[in-house]
Amino acid sequence: MTKKDIIMKISEDTGIKQVDVKEVVQRTFDIIIDSLRSGDKVELRNFGIFKVKVRKGRLGRNPRTGAGVSIPDKKVVAFKSGMKMKLDVESIADGM
């Protein structure tokens, strides 16, 4: 499912114009990104938690030469699903 699919589904379900739904959806994503950028976690009850974690640097290897390469620390976004989402997805998987 893409962002466009989400927008179309919300528009169909609510009767709100796609242009207006797109604005709200995009603004929601922008707020989440801004919060993560400033170091806050974003907790959406029954859905999940987004937070920024630091992946520690390590020594990697160049596959062509085999030489060691230093890989620096890196910030990554982590998502942990909420209990309701976890249970709903598990119930779908159990039905397969």
C-alpha atoms as a PDB file:
ATOM      1  CA  MET A   1       0.000   0.000   0.000  1.00  0.00           C
ATOM      2  CA  THR A   2       1.335   3.413  -0.937  1.00  0.00           C
ATOM      3  CA  LYS A   3       0.643   6.863   0.450  1.00  0.00           C
ATOM      4  CA  LYS A   4      -1.605   7.479  -2.554  1.00  0.00           C
ATOM      5  CA  ASP A   5      -3.579   4.308  -1.744  1.00  0.00           C
ATOM      6  CA  ILE A   6      -4.039   5.506   1.846  1.00  0.00           C
ATOM      7  CA  ILE A   7      -5.238   8.903   0.647  1.00  0.00           C
ATOM      8  CA  MET A   8      -7.705   7.357  -1.805  1.00  0.00           C
ATOM      9  CA  LYS A   9      -9.072   4.936   0.832  1.00  0.00           C
ATOM     10  CA  ILE A  10      -9.587   7.704   3.408  1.00  0.00           C
ATOM     11  CA  SER A  11     -11.219   9.888   0.769  1.00  0.00           C
ATOM     12  CA  GLU A  12     -13.604   7.088  -0.251  1.00  0.00           C
ATOM     13  CA  ASP A  13     -14.462   6.211   3.357  1.00  0.00           C
ATOM     14  CA  THR A  14     -15.054   9.784   4.529  1.00  0.00           C
ATOM     15  CA  GLY A  15     -16.244  11.624   1.433  1.00  0.00           C
ATOM     16  CA  ILE A  16     -13.507  14.233   1.896  1.00  0.00           C
ATOM     17  CA  LYS A  17     -11.737  15.432  -1.271  1.00  0.00           C
ATOM     18  CA  GLN A  18      -8.441  13.678  -2.030  1.00  0.00           C
ATOM     19  CA  VAL A  19      -6.625  17.027  -2.130  1.00  0.00           C
ATOM     20  CA  ASP A  20      -7.689  17.804   1.447  1.00  0.00           C
ATOM     21  CA  VAL A  21      -6.870  14.289   2.678  1.00  0.00           C
ATOM     22  CA  LYS A  22      -3.447  14.464   1.001  1.00  0.00           C
ATOM     23  CA  GLU A  23      -2.701  17.719   2.840  1.00  0.00           C
ATOM     24  CA  VAL A  24      -3.585  16.195   6.225  1.00  0.00           C
ATOM     25  CA  VAL A  25      -1.700  12.954   5.605  1.00  0.00           C
ATOM     26  CA  GLN A  26       1.421  14.782   4.405  1.00  0.00           C
ATOM     27  CA  ARG A  27       1.284  17.204   7.346  1.00  0.00           C
ATOM     28  CA  THR A  28       1.000  14.220   9.729  1.00  0.00           C
ATOM     29  CA  PHE A  29       4.100  12.637   8.216  1.00  0.00           C
ATOM     30  CA  ASP A  30       5.956  15.975   8.369  1.00  0.00           C
ATOM     31  CA  ILE A  31       5.164  16.358  12.070  1.00  0.00           C
ATOM     32  CA  ILE A  32       6.375  12.813  12.791  1.00  0.00           C
ATOM     33  CA  ILE A  33       9.615  13.471  10.897  1.00  0.00           C
ATOM     34  CA  ASP A  34      10.166  16.820  12.654  1.00  0.00           C
ATOM     35  CA  SER A  35       9.635  15.181  16.053  1.00  0.00           C
ATOM     36  CA  LEU A  36      12.111  12.416  15.269  1.00  0.00           C
ATOM     37  CA  ARG A  37      14.610  14.942  13.913  1.00  0.00           C
ATOM     38  CA  SER A  38      14.489  16.844  17.213  1.00  0.00           C
ATOM     39  CA  GLY A  39      15.117  13.631  19.175  1.00  0.00           C
ATOM     40  CA  ASP A  40      11.582  12.997  20.434  1.00  0.00           C
ATOM     41  CA  LYS A  41       9.835   9.658  20.183  1.00  0.00           C
ATOM     42  CA  VAL A  42       6.421   9.468  18.546  1.00  0.00           C
ATOM     43  CA  GLU A  43       3.945   7.204  20.311  1.00  0.00           C
ATOM     44  CA  LEU A  44       0.676   6.393  18.573  1.00  0.00           C
ATOM     45  CA  ARG A  45      -1.494   4.332  20.933  1.00  0.00           C
ATOM     46  CA  ASN A  46      -2.476   0.903  19.608  1.00  0.00           C
ATOM     47  CA  PHE A  47      -0.314   1.496  16.534  1.00  0.00           C
ATOM     48  CA  GLY A  48       3.301   1.756  17.678  1.00  0.00           C
ATOM     49  CA  ILE A  49       6.290   3.853  18.647  1.00  0.00           C
ATOM     50  CA  PHE A  50       8.797   5.518  16.337  1.00  0.00           C
ATOM     51  CA  LYS A  51      12.144   6.571  17.799  1.00  0.00           C
ATOM     52  CA  VAL A  52      15.660   7.334  16.639  1.00  0.00           C
ATOM     53  CA  LYS A  53      18.385   4.905  17.655  1.00  0.00           C
ATOM     54  CA  VAL A  54      22.107   5.139  17.080  1.00  0.00           C
ATOM     55  CA  ARG A  55      23.656   2.227  15.252  1.00  0.00           C
ATOM     56  CA  LYS A  56      27.211   1.959  16.569  1.00  0.00           C
ATOM     57  CA  GLY A  57      30.114   2.260  14.193  1.00  0.00           C
ATOM     58  CA  ARG A  58      31.986  -0.862  13.239  1.00  0.00           C
ATOM     59  CA  LEU A  59      34.773  -2.192  11.121  1.00  0.00           C
ATOM     60  CA  GLY A  60      33.517  -3.323   7.731  1.00  0.00           C
ATOM     61  CA  ARG A  61      35.302  -4.870   4.791  1.00  0.00           C
ATOM     62  CA  ASN A  62      35.607  -3.740   1.185  1.00  0.00           C
ATOM     63  CA  PRO A  63      34.358  -6.761  -0.809  1.00  0.00           C
ATOM     64  CA  ARG A  64      36.698  -6.082  -3.756  1.00  0.00           C
ATOM     65  CA  THR A  65      39.952  -5.571  -1.915  1.00  0.00           C
ATOM     66  CA  GLY A  66      39.218  -7.168   1.445  1.00  0.00           C
ATOM     67  CA  ALA A  67      40.625  -4.070   3.153  1.00  0.00           C
ATOM     68  CA  GLY A  68      39.101  -2.966   6.441  1.00  0.00           C
ATOM     69  CA  VAL A  69      36.827   0.085   6.286  1.00  0.00           C
ATOM     70  CA  SER A  70      35.677   2.095   9.282  1.00  0.00           C
ATOM     71  CA  ILE A  71      31.886   2.566   9.295  1.00  0.00           C
ATOM     72  CA  PRO A  72      30.838   5.507  11.509  1.00  0.00           C
ATOM     73  CA  ASP A  73      27.894   5.687  13.938  1.00  0.00           C
ATOM     74  CA  LYS A  74      24.577   6.188  12.192  1.00  0.00           C
ATOM     75  CA  LYS A  75      21.151   7.338  13.333  1.00  0.00           C
ATOM     76  CA  VAL A  76      18.279   5.110  12.209  1.00  0.00           C
ATOM     77  CA  VAL A  77      14.525   5.182  12.775  1.00  0.00           C
ATOM     78  CA  ALA A  78      13.192   2.226  14.752  1.00  0.00           C
ATOM     79  CA  PHE A  79       9.550   1.175  14.954  1.00  0.00           C
ATOM     80  CA  LYS A  80       8.009  -1.018  17.610  1.00  0.00           C
ATOM     81  CA  SER A  81       4.454  -2.083  16.935  1.00  0.00           C
ATOM     82  CA  GLY A  82       1.752  -1.478  19.511  1.00  0.00           C
ATOM     83  CA  MET A  83      -0.046  -4.329  21.239  1.00  0.00           C
ATOM     84  CA  LYS A  84      -3.268  -3.997  19.218  1.00  0.00           C
ATOM     85  CA  MET A  85      -1.390  -3.997  15.912  1.00  0.00           C
ATOM     86  CA  LYS A  86       0.720  -6.940  17.006  1.00  0.00           C
ATOM     87  CA  LEU A  87      -2.345  -8.977  18.014  1.00  0.00           C
ATOM     88  CA  ASP A  88      -4.271  -8.050  14.855  1.00  0.00           C
ATOM     89  CA  VAL A  89      -1.365  -9.035  12.598  1.00  0.00           C
ATOM     90  CA  GLU A  90      -0.806 -12.271  14.520  1.00  0.00           C
ATOM     91  CA  SER A  91      -4.473 -13.197  14.144  1.00  0.00           C
ATOM     92  CA  ILE A  92      -4.166 -12.737  10.383  1.00  0.00           C
ATOM     93  CA  ALA A  93      -1.053 -14.911  10.298  1.00  0.00           C
ATOM     94  CA  ASP A  94      -2.777 -17.601  12.395  1.00  0.00           C
ATOM     95  CA  GLY A  95      -5.615 -17.745   9.875  1.00  0.00           C
ATOM     96  CA  MET A  96      -3.322 -18.561   6.964  1.00  0.00           C
END
